[in-house]
Amino acid sequence: MTYVLIPGAGCTPWHWHALTAELEARGQEVIAVDLPCDDESAGLAAYREAVVTAVGPRTDLVLVAHSLGGFTAPAVCERLPVELIVFVAGMIPLPGEAVSDYWGHTDYKWDGDPESDYFFQDLPAELAVEARRQLRPQAGRPMDDPALFERWPEVRTRAVIATEDLLFPADYLRALAVDRLGFAPDELPGGHFPMLGHAGELAELLEAYRREVQGPGREK
């Protein structure tokens, strides 16, 4: 199977580098997708196309969607042979829902200090500095696009949250997963980027999910 890593708002393949290394060390193929997040002409359709293009002819896919990447993952399932979706600190859209409507629909309330680091607060200082430097401006174009799927894909789905996430608090994401997916998420320590702060633990969870999907007797 191939892991396809879909970044969140303003993020790049670099933000997956620690998890990529962990998965590759376990013998897995990994594609960290570069979305056109800073292109004001690119909407959700362009994001989906970027994933489809990056994957090419590969099959047996595990989509791992971080944060805003959750709006892209279900739509990709209509174009590619996806075996598993994993939301990581992820937004979980309804069919046809726009990002701009999502906040009200999910009763999201953020009252943090805009001067605080609510992305990388749990990372070592040097890593946090580099993670901020690697961010790109997030264009507003996708925010009013309706999610590009008409019904939830018939694909096995899992969710992972981070218990010290300052952007999407754990209680909020727990309730969201139960409401929209019908089950409680698995939990890791740390902040909004567990793929940087707890890459090894996240890799182990993903590998456990992969083994569940493959079952006995299937090659990786």
Protein backbone atom coordinates (compact mmCIF):
# COMPACT_ATOMS: atom_id res chain seq x y z
CA MET A 1 0.00 0.00 0.00
CA THR A 2 1.03 3.61 -0.54
CA TYR A 3 0.59 6.39 1.99
CA VAL A 4 -0.61 9.64 0.43
CA LEU A 5 -0.12 12.59 2.79
CA ILE A 6 -2.41 15.59 2.21
CA PRO A 7 -1.31 18.78 3.98
CA GLY A 8 -3.38 21.33 5.83
CA ALA A 9 -3.68 25.07 5.24
CA GLY A 10 -0.45 26.73 4.17
CA CYS A 11 1.54 23.54 4.65
CA THR A 12 3.96 21.76 2.36
CA PRO A 13 5.53 18.30 2.02
CA TRP A 14 8.19 19.48 4.48
CA HIS A 15 5.64 19.38 7.29
CA TRP A 16 5.34 15.64 6.68
CA HIS A 17 9.08 14.96 6.58
CA ALA A 18 9.37 13.35 10.02
CA LEU A 19 6.40 11.04 9.44
CA THR A 20 7.61 10.28 5.92
CA ALA A 21 10.95 9.13 7.34
CA GLU A 22 9.24 6.96 9.96
CA LEU A 23 7.00 5.26 7.41
CA GLU A 24 9.79 4.76 4.89
CA ALA A 25 11.93 3.23 7.65
CA ARG A 26 9.12 0.68 8.04
CA GLY A 27 9.37 -0.17 4.35
CA GLN A 28 6.38 1.84 3.12
CA GLU A 29 6.02 3.99 0.01
CA VAL A 30 5.02 7.57 0.84
CA ILE A 31 3.81 10.44 -1.33
CA ALA A 32 3.68 13.83 0.40
CA VAL A 33 1.50 15.95 -1.87
CA ASP A 34 2.37 19.57 -2.64
CA LEU A 35 -0.94 21.46 -2.86
CA PRO A 36 -1.17 24.87 -4.61
CA CYS A 37 -2.14 26.47 -1.29
CA ASP A 38 -0.74 29.91 -2.13
CA ASP A 39 -2.39 30.12 -5.57
CA GLU A 40 -5.45 32.39 -5.39
CA SER A 41 -6.84 30.79 -8.54
CA ALA A 42 -6.73 27.25 -7.13
CA GLY A 43 -9.83 25.87 -5.42
CA LEU A 44 -10.72 22.47 -4.02
CA ALA A 45 -10.87 21.00 -7.53
CA ALA A 46 -7.23 21.96 -8.07
CA TYR A 47 -6.31 20.44 -4.71
CA ARG A 48 -7.98 17.16 -5.67
CA GLU A 49 -6.25 17.21 -9.05
CA ALA A 50 -2.87 17.75 -7.37
CA VAL A 51 -3.42 14.58 -5.33
CA VAL A 52 -4.58 12.58 -8.35
CA THR A 53 -1.57 13.72 -10.37
CA ALA A 54 0.89 12.95 -7.58
CA VAL A 55 -0.48 9.43 -7.13
CA GLY A 56 -0.54 8.52 -10.81
CA PRO A 57 -1.35 4.85 -11.52
CA ARG A 58 -0.78 3.59 -7.97
CA THR A 59 -3.47 1.56 -6.24
CA ASP A 60 -4.14 0.42 -2.65
CA LEU A 61 -3.92 3.91 -1.19
CA VAL A 62 -4.00 5.18 2.38
CA LEU A 63 -4.96 8.88 2.46
CA VAL A 64 -3.69 10.74 5.52
CA ALA A 65 -5.30 14.18 5.69
CA HIS A 66 -4.16 16.88 8.09
CA SER A 67 -6.41 19.75 9.16
CA LEU A 68 -7.84 21.49 6.03
CA GLY A 69 -6.67 18.48 4.00
CA GLY A 70 -9.77 16.77 5.31
CA PHE A 71 -11.79 18.65 2.69
CA THR A 72 -9.74 17.09 -0.11
CA ALA A 73 -9.52 13.47 1.03
CA PRO A 74 -13.16 12.32 0.56
CA ALA A 75 -13.33 13.89 -2.91
CA VAL A 76 -10.18 12.03 -3.97
CA CYS A 77 -11.96 8.73 -3.30
CA GLU A 78 -14.16 9.35 -6.33
CA ARG A 79 -11.08 9.39 -8.55
CA LEU A 80 -8.62 6.95 -6.97
CA PRO A 81 -8.69 3.42 -5.46
CA VAL A 82 -8.49 4.41 -1.80
CA GLU A 83 -8.49 1.69 0.86
CA LEU A 84 -8.33 3.89 3.97
CA ILE A 85 -8.75 7.54 5.00
CA VAL A 86 -7.12 8.81 8.19
CA PHE A 87 -7.91 12.29 9.48
CA VAL A 88 -5.07 13.75 11.59
CA ALA A 89 -6.24 16.75 13.63
CA GLY A 90 -8.53 16.99 10.65
CA MET A 91 -11.57 18.85 9.43
CA ILE A 92 -14.33 16.36 8.61
CA PRO A 93 -16.69 17.84 6.01
CA LEU A 94 -20.21 16.91 5.06
CA PRO A 95 -21.02 16.35 1.37
CA GLY A 96 -21.24 19.72 -0.37
CA GLU A 97 -20.27 21.70 2.73
CA ALA A 98 -18.06 24.77 2.27
CA VAL A 99 -15.17 25.58 4.57
CA SER A 100 -16.75 28.97 5.24
CA ASP A 101 -19.89 27.23 6.56
CA TYR A 102 -18.03 24.50 8.42
CA TRP A 103 -17.19 26.60 11.47
CA GLY A 104 -20.80 27.47 12.23
CA HIS A 105 -22.05 23.98 11.42
CA THR A 106 -19.57 22.41 13.86
CA ASP A 107 -19.97 25.07 16.58
CA TYR A 108 -16.26 25.86 16.44
CA LYS A 109 -15.15 28.55 18.85
CA TRP A 110 -11.57 29.73 19.08
CA ASP A 111 -10.76 32.26 21.77
CA GLY A 112 -6.99 31.96 21.80
CA ASP A 113 -4.43 34.74 21.66
CA PRO A 114 -3.66 35.49 17.99
CA GLU A 115 -0.10 36.35 19.02
CA SER A 116 0.44 32.88 20.48
CA ASP A 117 1.80 29.89 18.56
CA TYR A 118 -1.22 27.63 18.28
CA PHE A 119 0.39 25.45 15.58
CA PHE A 120 3.80 24.45 16.90
CA GLN A 121 3.77 25.23 20.63
CA ASP A 122 4.82 21.71 21.65
CA LEU A 123 7.81 21.38 19.31
CA PRO A 124 11.46 22.00 20.20
CA ALA A 125 12.30 25.66 19.56
CA GLU A 126 14.49 25.13 16.49
CA LEU A 127 11.99 22.76 14.89
CA ALA A 128 9.12 25.17 15.59
CA VAL A 129 11.04 28.03 13.96
CA GLU A 130 11.70 25.96 10.85
CA ALA A 131 8.11 24.72 10.74
CA ARG A 132 6.86 28.32 10.73
CA ARG A 133 9.41 29.28 8.07
CA GLN A 134 8.22 26.47 5.82
CA LEU A 135 4.59 27.66 5.88
CA ARG A 136 3.21 29.34 2.77
CA PRO A 137 0.33 31.85 2.65
CA GLN A 138 -3.00 30.06 2.42
CA ALA A 139 -5.14 31.42 -0.40
CA GLY A 140 -8.78 32.14 0.33
CA ARG A 141 -10.07 30.66 -2.92
CA PRO A 142 -10.96 27.18 -1.56
CA MET A 143 -12.87 28.47 1.45
CA ASP A 144 -16.17 29.08 -0.34
CA ASP A 145 -16.00 26.00 -2.56
CA PRO A 146 -18.48 23.24 -1.69
CA ALA A 147 -16.83 19.95 -0.76
CA LEU A 148 -16.48 17.95 -3.97
CA PHE A 149 -18.35 14.80 -3.01
CA GLU A 150 -22.06 14.04 -2.95
CA ARG A 151 -22.03 11.20 -0.45
CA TRP A 152 -19.52 9.88 2.04
CA PRO A 153 -17.19 7.38 0.33
CA GLU A 154 -17.52 3.71 1.21
CA VAL A 155 -13.95 3.62 2.47
CA ARG A 156 -12.70 2.57 5.89
CA THR A 157 -12.02 5.70 7.91
CA ARG A 158 -10.07 6.49 11.08
CA ALA A 159 -9.36 9.72 12.99
CA VAL A 160 -6.46 10.81 15.18
CA ILE A 161 -6.45 13.87 17.41
CA ALA A 162 -3.78 15.54 19.54
CA THR A 163 -4.67 16.17 23.16
CA GLU A 164 -2.81 19.50 23.46
CA ASP A 165 -4.00 20.91 20.12
CA LEU A 166 -4.60 24.63 20.61
CA LEU A 167 -6.21 25.18 17.20
CA PHE A 168 -8.69 22.30 17.28
CA PRO A 169 -9.14 21.44 20.97
CA ALA A 170 -9.46 17.77 21.84
CA ASP A 171 -13.03 18.04 23.16
CA TYR A 172 -14.13 19.68 19.92
CA LEU A 173 -12.51 17.04 17.71
CA ARG A 174 -13.76 14.17 19.85
CA ALA A 175 -17.34 15.39 19.50
CA LEU A 176 -16.88 16.07 15.78
CA ALA A 177 -15.60 12.55 15.06
CA VAL A 178 -18.47 10.95 16.93
CA ASP A 179 -21.02 13.20 15.24
CA ARG A 180 -19.73 12.94 11.67
CA LEU A 181 -17.94 9.60 11.57
CA GLY A 182 -19.84 7.69 14.23
CA PHE A 183 -16.86 6.73 16.38
CA ALA A 184 -14.37 8.22 18.81
CA PRO A 185 -10.92 9.14 17.50
CA ASP A 186 -7.61 7.73 18.65
CA GLU A 187 -5.47 10.17 20.61
CA LEU A 188 -1.84 11.22 20.69
CA PRO A 189 -0.12 13.76 22.95
CA GLY A 190 1.07 17.08 21.61
CA GLY A 191 -0.22 19.91 19.46
CA HIS A 192 -1.75 20.43 16.04
CA PHE A 193 1.15 18.83 14.14
CA PRO A 194 1.60 15.33 15.60
CA MET A 195 3.38 14.35 12.38
CA LEU A 196 6.24 16.57 13.60
CA GLY A 197 5.99 16.24 17.36
CA HIS A 198 5.06 12.56 17.63
CA ALA A 199 5.95 11.12 14.25
CA GLY A 200 6.95 7.70 15.54
CA GLU A 201 3.75 7.20 17.50
CA LEU A 202 1.64 8.39 14.58
CA ALA A 203 3.48 6.03 12.24
CA GLU A 204 2.72 3.12 14.54
CA LEU A 205 -0.99 4.01 14.56
CA LEU A 206 -1.07 4.31 10.78
CA GLU A 207 0.67 0.98 10.39
CA ALA A 208 -1.86 -0.64 12.72
CA TYR A 209 -4.69 0.79 10.62
CA ARG A 210 -3.00 -0.43 7.44
CA ARG A 211 -2.67 -3.95 8.78
CA GLU A 212 -6.36 -3.96 9.70
CA VAL A 213 -7.28 -3.04 6.14
CA GLN A 214 -4.94 -5.50 4.47
CA GLY A 215 -5.75 -8.42 6.69
CA PRO A 216 -3.78 -11.68 6.67
CA GLY A 217 -2.28 -12.93 3.47
CA ARG A 218 -2.00 -9.61 1.60
CA GLU A 219 1.34 -8.13 0.64
CA LYS A 220 2.15 -4.61 1.76
